[in-house]
Amino acid sequence: MRRKLPSTQALNCFEAAARHRSFTRAAQELALTQGAVSRQVAALEDFVGVTLFKRSQHGMTLTPAGENYARQVSRQLDSLERDTLDLMGHQGQGDSLTLAAVPTLASRWLIPRLPGLAREQPQLQIHIETRTRPFLFSDTGVDAALYAGTPEQIRQWAGTHATLLFPEDVLPVCSPELLADMGEVSPEILAGMPLLQQATRPEAWRDWFDAQGIYATRAMAGPRYELFSLQAAAASCGLGVALMPTLLIQAELASGALVVACPRPLRGQRAYYLVQPDLPERAALICFKEWLLRQPH
């Protein structure tokens, strides 16, 4: 069956023009003339039978249909480019996976273990993108995601299923200088200390204090950080106490840059999962998942 598809040249020109909102800047990017870009976009509009740009003396704007189509085309061109580069890099040999992962887990837990995977599966290449929140797999070229969340959050991730990897323990940690001569402190004392907040977990400190039976009026006060790595750095610099998953700060605990402020872990609320779309599993993903489940934590 012959596919009803426009030319990639027309799609490239349209995507660049939509992104720049200018035929001239699109032409400069693509090393074409402005007229060539304009003709390609006009040919695309004829092909789909839809006006994609509104043209006037003051410039050009995308129509609502053009806005939506530009988003779709951009994603598909990105995916096609990624697949092409992957094929070129492999020279037709081996396989690859694209993973999304929360950044600190990727840098501090996954990547240090990847040399072991490379020794077991030298033909398997792992690409990693960082994402801190759930997303639609259909909008990306991602094969699976390493994600930390509650069972309810995982169940609410539409169109996916998940494999439990391991539970998460969190502990209050800080620079030893912040504790001075106090050593480990009680939850009551901790409630009066500066608290560092995790942007993606705004209720984290409140949940921890609730588990200790403490009402802390400032449980949600304090500077917020998007990444755990930033929070760990802030805590190491003495800016406050951070509530951190212990597996992400093993190096800081071992070196003494961070110490446990209060030895009361919060367990069982969150865990780490491998999340994947509800699609038939590729052999590469099965292989990676089996390896992942064997990793110590």
Protein backbone atom coordinates (compact mmCIF):
# COMPACT_ATOMS: atom_id res chain seq x y z
CA MET A 1 0.00 0.00 0.00
CA ARG A 2 1.38 3.37 -0.97
CA ARG A 3 1.57 5.69 2.02
CA LYS A 4 0.02 9.14 1.78
CA LEU A 5 2.99 11.12 3.01
CA PRO A 6 4.50 14.46 1.98
CA SER A 7 8.19 14.70 1.15
CA THR A 8 10.69 14.97 3.98
CA GLN A 9 12.04 18.13 2.32
CA ALA A 10 8.64 19.78 2.59
CA LEU A 11 8.30 18.66 6.23
CA ASN A 12 11.78 19.93 7.05
CA CYS A 13 11.02 23.31 5.54
CA PHE A 14 7.67 23.54 7.30
CA GLU A 15 9.12 22.56 10.69
CA ALA A 16 11.94 25.09 10.44
CA ALA A 17 9.58 27.87 9.25
CA ALA A 18 7.14 27.08 12.06
CA ARG A 19 9.89 27.10 14.66
CA HIS A 20 11.39 30.39 13.47
CA ARG A 21 8.09 31.94 12.37
CA SER A 22 10.05 33.07 9.34
CA PHE A 23 10.75 31.67 5.88
CA THR A 24 13.96 33.71 5.73
CA ARG A 25 15.46 32.32 8.96
CA ALA A 26 14.32 28.81 7.99
CA ALA A 27 16.09 29.21 4.65
CA GLN A 28 19.30 30.32 6.41
CA GLU A 29 19.18 27.28 8.69
CA LEU A 30 18.55 24.84 5.85
CA ALA A 31 20.98 26.47 3.40
CA LEU A 32 18.17 27.11 0.90
CA THR A 33 16.71 30.22 -0.67
CA GLN A 34 13.70 31.88 0.89
CA GLY A 35 11.74 31.15 -2.25
CA ALA A 36 12.58 27.44 -2.08
CA VAL A 37 11.31 27.20 1.50
CA SER A 38 8.14 29.12 0.58
CA ARG A 39 7.48 26.79 -2.37
CA GLN A 40 8.00 23.67 -0.23
CA VAL A 41 5.56 24.93 2.41
CA ALA A 42 3.01 25.86 -0.27
CA ALA A 43 3.37 22.37 -1.77
CA LEU A 44 2.78 20.86 1.68
CA GLU A 45 -0.37 22.96 2.14
CA ASP A 46 -1.60 21.78 -1.26
CA PHE A 47 -0.84 18.18 -0.35
CA VAL A 48 -2.75 18.23 2.96
CA GLY A 49 -5.43 20.62 1.75
CA VAL A 50 -5.08 22.78 4.86
CA THR A 51 -3.74 26.31 5.34
CA LEU A 52 -0.82 26.08 7.74
CA PHE A 53 0.32 29.72 7.78
CA LYS A 54 -1.48 33.04 7.71
CA ARG A 55 0.54 35.46 5.62
CA SER A 56 0.25 39.24 5.85
CA GLN A 57 2.26 42.39 5.27
CA HIS A 58 3.37 42.20 8.92
CA GLY A 59 4.75 38.67 8.70
CA MET A 60 3.38 35.19 9.12
CA THR A 61 1.70 33.23 11.88
CA LEU A 62 0.68 29.61 12.18
CA THR A 63 -2.97 28.71 11.94
CA PRO A 64 -4.35 26.54 14.78
CA ALA A 65 -4.07 23.53 12.47
CA GLY A 66 -0.51 24.57 11.62
CA GLU A 67 0.43 24.85 15.31
CA ASN A 68 -0.80 21.35 16.02
CA TYR A 69 0.78 19.85 12.89
CA ALA A 70 4.11 21.57 13.63
CA ARG A 71 4.28 19.91 17.06
CA GLN A 72 3.58 16.50 15.55
CA VAL A 73 6.03 16.94 12.68
CA SER A 74 8.79 18.15 15.00
CA ARG A 75 8.44 15.08 17.22
CA GLN A 76 8.41 12.70 14.27
CA LEU A 77 11.42 14.33 12.60
CA ASP A 78 13.33 14.17 15.90
CA SER A 79 12.46 10.49 16.21
CA LEU A 80 13.47 9.77 12.61
CA GLU A 81 16.78 11.61 13.08
CA ARG A 82 17.47 9.72 16.31
CA ASP A 83 16.76 6.36 14.66
CA THR A 84 18.95 7.27 11.68
CA LEU A 85 21.88 8.32 13.88
CA ASP A 86 21.43 5.16 15.91
CA LEU A 87 21.57 3.02 12.77
CA MET A 88 24.62 4.89 11.51
CA GLY A 89 26.37 4.48 14.85
CA HIS A 90 25.70 0.75 14.98
CA GLN A 91 26.42 0.17 11.30
CA GLY A 92 23.53 -2.29 11.37
CA GLN A 93 24.96 -4.25 14.32
CA GLY A 94 23.45 -4.62 17.80
CA ASP A 95 20.48 -2.85 19.33
CA SER A 96 19.75 0.19 21.47
CA LEU A 97 17.33 1.48 24.08
CA THR A 98 16.34 5.02 24.95
CA LEU A 99 15.61 5.44 28.65
CA ALA A 100 14.10 8.34 30.53
CA ALA A 101 15.31 8.66 34.10
CA VAL A 102 15.21 11.07 36.99
CA PRO A 103 18.59 12.82 36.74
CA THR A 104 20.20 11.96 40.08
CA LEU A 105 19.23 8.29 39.85
CA ALA A 106 20.70 8.19 36.34
CA SER A 107 24.00 9.86 37.26
CA ARG A 108 24.57 8.31 40.68
CA TRP A 109 23.05 4.84 40.46
CA LEU A 110 22.46 3.73 36.86
CA ILE A 111 25.47 5.06 34.95
CA PRO A 112 28.10 3.66 37.38
CA ARG A 113 26.56 0.20 36.77
CA LEU A 114 26.42 0.43 32.98
CA PRO A 115 30.00 -0.84 32.46
CA GLY A 116 28.76 -4.17 33.84
CA LEU A 117 25.94 -4.20 31.30
CA ALA A 118 28.43 -3.36 28.54
CA ARG A 119 30.54 -6.37 29.50
CA GLU A 120 27.49 -8.66 29.44
CA GLN A 121 25.84 -7.15 26.36
CA PRO A 122 28.49 -5.33 24.30
CA GLN A 123 26.10 -4.87 21.35
CA LEU A 124 23.42 -3.12 23.46
CA GLN A 125 23.63 0.67 23.52
CA ILE A 126 21.79 2.69 26.16
CA HIS A 127 20.69 6.28 25.47
CA ILE A 128 19.52 8.29 28.49
CA GLU A 129 17.21 11.30 28.67
CA THR A 130 16.44 13.04 31.95
CA ARG A 131 12.84 13.59 32.98
CA THR A 132 11.48 14.40 36.43
CA ARG A 133 7.77 13.88 35.80
CA PRO A 134 5.54 11.36 33.96
CA PHE A 135 5.09 11.89 30.22
CA LEU A 136 3.31 10.35 27.26
CA PHE A 137 5.45 7.66 25.68
CA SER A 138 3.59 8.16 22.40
CA ASP A 139 5.02 11.70 22.17
CA THR A 140 8.64 10.53 22.49
CA GLY A 141 11.08 7.95 21.23
CA VAL A 142 11.58 6.64 24.77
CA ASP A 143 11.41 2.87 25.30
CA ALA A 144 11.13 2.86 29.11
CA ALA A 145 11.57 5.08 32.16
CA LEU A 146 13.30 4.71 35.52
CA TYR A 147 10.98 6.53 37.89
CA ALA A 148 10.48 6.95 41.63
CA GLY A 149 6.92 7.23 42.89
CA THR A 150 4.15 5.87 45.05
CA PRO A 151 2.13 2.87 43.84
CA GLU A 152 -0.80 5.22 43.19
CA GLN A 153 1.31 7.53 41.03
CA ILE A 154 2.56 4.59 39.01
CA ARG A 155 -0.98 3.25 38.48
CA GLN A 156 -2.10 6.68 37.24
CA TRP A 157 0.55 6.79 34.50
CA ALA A 158 -1.75 6.19 31.53
CA GLY A 159 -0.95 3.56 28.93
CA THR A 160 1.90 1.95 30.87
CA HIS A 161 2.79 -0.94 33.11
CA ALA A 162 5.61 -1.03 35.64
CA THR A 163 8.09 -3.41 37.21
CA LEU A 164 9.05 -2.80 40.85
CA LEU A 165 12.82 -2.52 41.22
CA PHE A 166 13.40 -1.66 44.88
CA PRO A 167 11.90 0.41 47.71
CA GLU A 168 13.19 3.81 48.71
CA ASP A 169 14.37 4.87 52.16
CA VAL A 170 14.75 8.57 52.90
CA LEU A 171 16.71 10.14 55.77
CA PRO A 172 17.33 13.71 56.99
CA VAL A 173 20.95 14.59 56.21
CA CYS A 174 23.06 17.71 56.45
CA SER A 175 26.60 19.03 56.66
CA PRO A 176 28.32 18.05 59.93
CA GLU A 177 29.03 21.75 60.54
CA LEU A 178 25.29 22.46 60.69
CA LEU A 179 24.93 20.11 63.66
CA ALA A 180 27.97 21.60 65.40
CA ASP A 181 28.41 19.63 68.65
CA MET A 182 24.83 18.36 68.84
CA GLY A 183 25.41 15.10 66.97
CA GLU A 184 22.20 13.44 65.84
CA VAL A 185 19.11 15.44 66.82
CA SER A 186 15.50 14.64 67.65
CA PRO A 187 12.60 15.34 65.27
CA GLU A 188 11.52 18.18 67.59
CA ILE A 189 14.85 19.94 67.21
CA LEU A 190 14.95 19.20 63.50
CA ALA A 191 11.58 20.97 63.08
CA GLY A 192 13.28 24.24 64.01
CA MET A 193 16.23 23.86 61.64
CA PRO A 194 16.38 25.17 58.05
CA LEU A 195 14.77 22.59 55.77
CA LEU A 196 15.64 22.10 52.10
CA GLN A 197 12.69 21.23 49.88
CA GLN A 198 12.41 18.95 46.85
CA ALA A 199 10.37 20.65 44.11
CA THR A 200 8.90 17.39 42.79
CA ARG A 201 7.98 16.23 46.32
CA PRO A 202 6.47 19.26 48.07
CA GLU A 203 4.88 17.14 50.83
CA ALA A 204 8.03 15.14 51.65
CA TRP A 205 9.00 16.86 54.90
CA ARG A 206 5.40 16.99 56.10
CA ASP A 207 5.07 13.24 55.51
CA TRP A 208 8.29 12.60 57.42
CA PHE A 209 7.25 14.73 60.42
CA ASP A 210 3.78 13.14 60.42
CA ALA A 211 5.44 9.72 60.60
CA GLN A 212 7.34 10.92 63.69
CA GLY A 213 4.16 12.23 65.32
CA ILE A 214 5.43 15.82 65.13
CA TYR A 215 3.48 18.85 63.96
CA ALA A 216 6.05 21.05 62.22
CA THR A 217 4.70 24.45 61.23
CA ARG A 218 7.64 25.02 58.84
CA ALA A 219 7.56 21.60 57.21
CA MET A 220 6.97 23.10 53.75
CA ALA A 221 9.15 26.20 54.19
CA GLY A 222 12.61 26.61 52.77
CA PRO A 223 14.39 26.84 49.42
CA ARG A 224 13.25 24.40 46.72
CA TYR A 225 15.46 22.41 44.38
CA GLU A 226 14.39 20.61 41.22
CA LEU A 227 17.00 17.84 41.45
CA PHE A 228 18.23 15.71 44.33
CA SER A 229 21.80 16.37 43.20
CA LEU A 230 21.23 20.11 43.76
CA GLN A 231 19.64 19.41 47.13
CA ALA A 232 22.61 17.25 48.16
CA ALA A 233 25.01 20.01 47.11
CA ALA A 234 23.05 22.61 49.09
CA ALA A 235 23.02 20.38 52.17
CA SER A 236 26.77 19.72 51.84
CA CYS A 237 27.32 23.50 51.81
CA GLY A 238 25.46 23.90 55.09
CA LEU A 239 22.32 25.57 53.73
CA GLY A 240 19.98 23.26 55.62
CA VAL A 241 18.77 19.72 56.19
CA ALA A 242 17.75 17.65 53.18
CA LEU A 243 15.43 14.66 53.13
CA MET A 244 17.28 12.38 50.73
CA PRO A 245 16.99 8.82 49.37
CA THR A 246 19.98 7.08 50.90
CA LEU A 247 21.02 5.25 47.72
CA LEU A 248 21.63 8.60 45.98
CA ILE A 249 24.08 9.98 48.56
CA GLN A 250 26.34 7.03 49.31
CA ALA A 251 29.45 8.96 48.23
CA GLU A 252 28.64 11.97 50.44
CA LEU A 253 27.88 9.77 53.45
CA ALA A 254 31.08 7.78 52.94
CA SER A 255 33.23 10.92 52.65
CA GLY A 256 31.56 12.69 55.57
CA ALA A 257 30.34 15.58 53.42
CA LEU A 258 26.86 14.65 54.65
CA VAL A 259 25.87 13.05 57.93
CA VAL A 260 22.56 11.69 59.19
CA ALA A 261 20.83 14.43 61.19
CA CYS A 262 18.12 12.19 62.64
CA PRO A 263 18.34 8.38 62.26
CA ARG A 264 14.68 7.80 61.50
CA PRO A 265 14.17 6.66 57.90
CA LEU A 266 10.82 6.92 56.20
CA ARG A 267 10.17 3.63 54.42
CA GLY A 268 7.59 2.14 52.14
CA GLN A 269 5.95 5.25 50.65
CA ARG A 270 7.90 5.36 47.40
CA ALA A 271 9.82 2.90 45.30
CA TYR A 272 11.79 2.80 42.06
CA TYR A 273 10.13 1.30 39.00
CA LEU A 274 10.89 0.51 35.40
CA VAL A 275 7.90 1.96 33.55
CA GLN A 276 7.18 0.99 29.95
CA PRO A 277 4.35 1.56 27.47
CA ASP A 278 1.69 -1.10 26.96
CA LEU A 279 3.30 -2.40 23.79
CA PRO A 280 4.96 -5.69 22.84
CA GLU A 281 8.38 -5.86 24.50
CA ARG A 282 11.47 -5.65 22.34
CA ALA A 283 14.20 -8.20 23.01
CA ALA A 284 16.59 -5.40 24.01
CA LEU A 285 14.18 -4.16 26.68
CA ILE A 286 13.67 -7.67 28.06
CA CYS A 287 17.44 -8.09 28.28
CA PHE A 288 17.89 -4.73 30.01
CA LYS A 289 15.09 -5.40 32.49
CA GLU A 290 16.54 -8.78 33.46
CA TRP A 291 19.92 -7.14 34.05
CA LEU A 292 18.34 -4.28 36.02
CA LEU A 293 16.54 -6.66 38.39
CA ARG A 294 19.87 -8.31 39.26
CA GLN A 295 21.51 -5.06 40.37
CA PRO A 296 22.19 -4.51 44.08
CA HIS A 297 20.77 -1.42 45.70
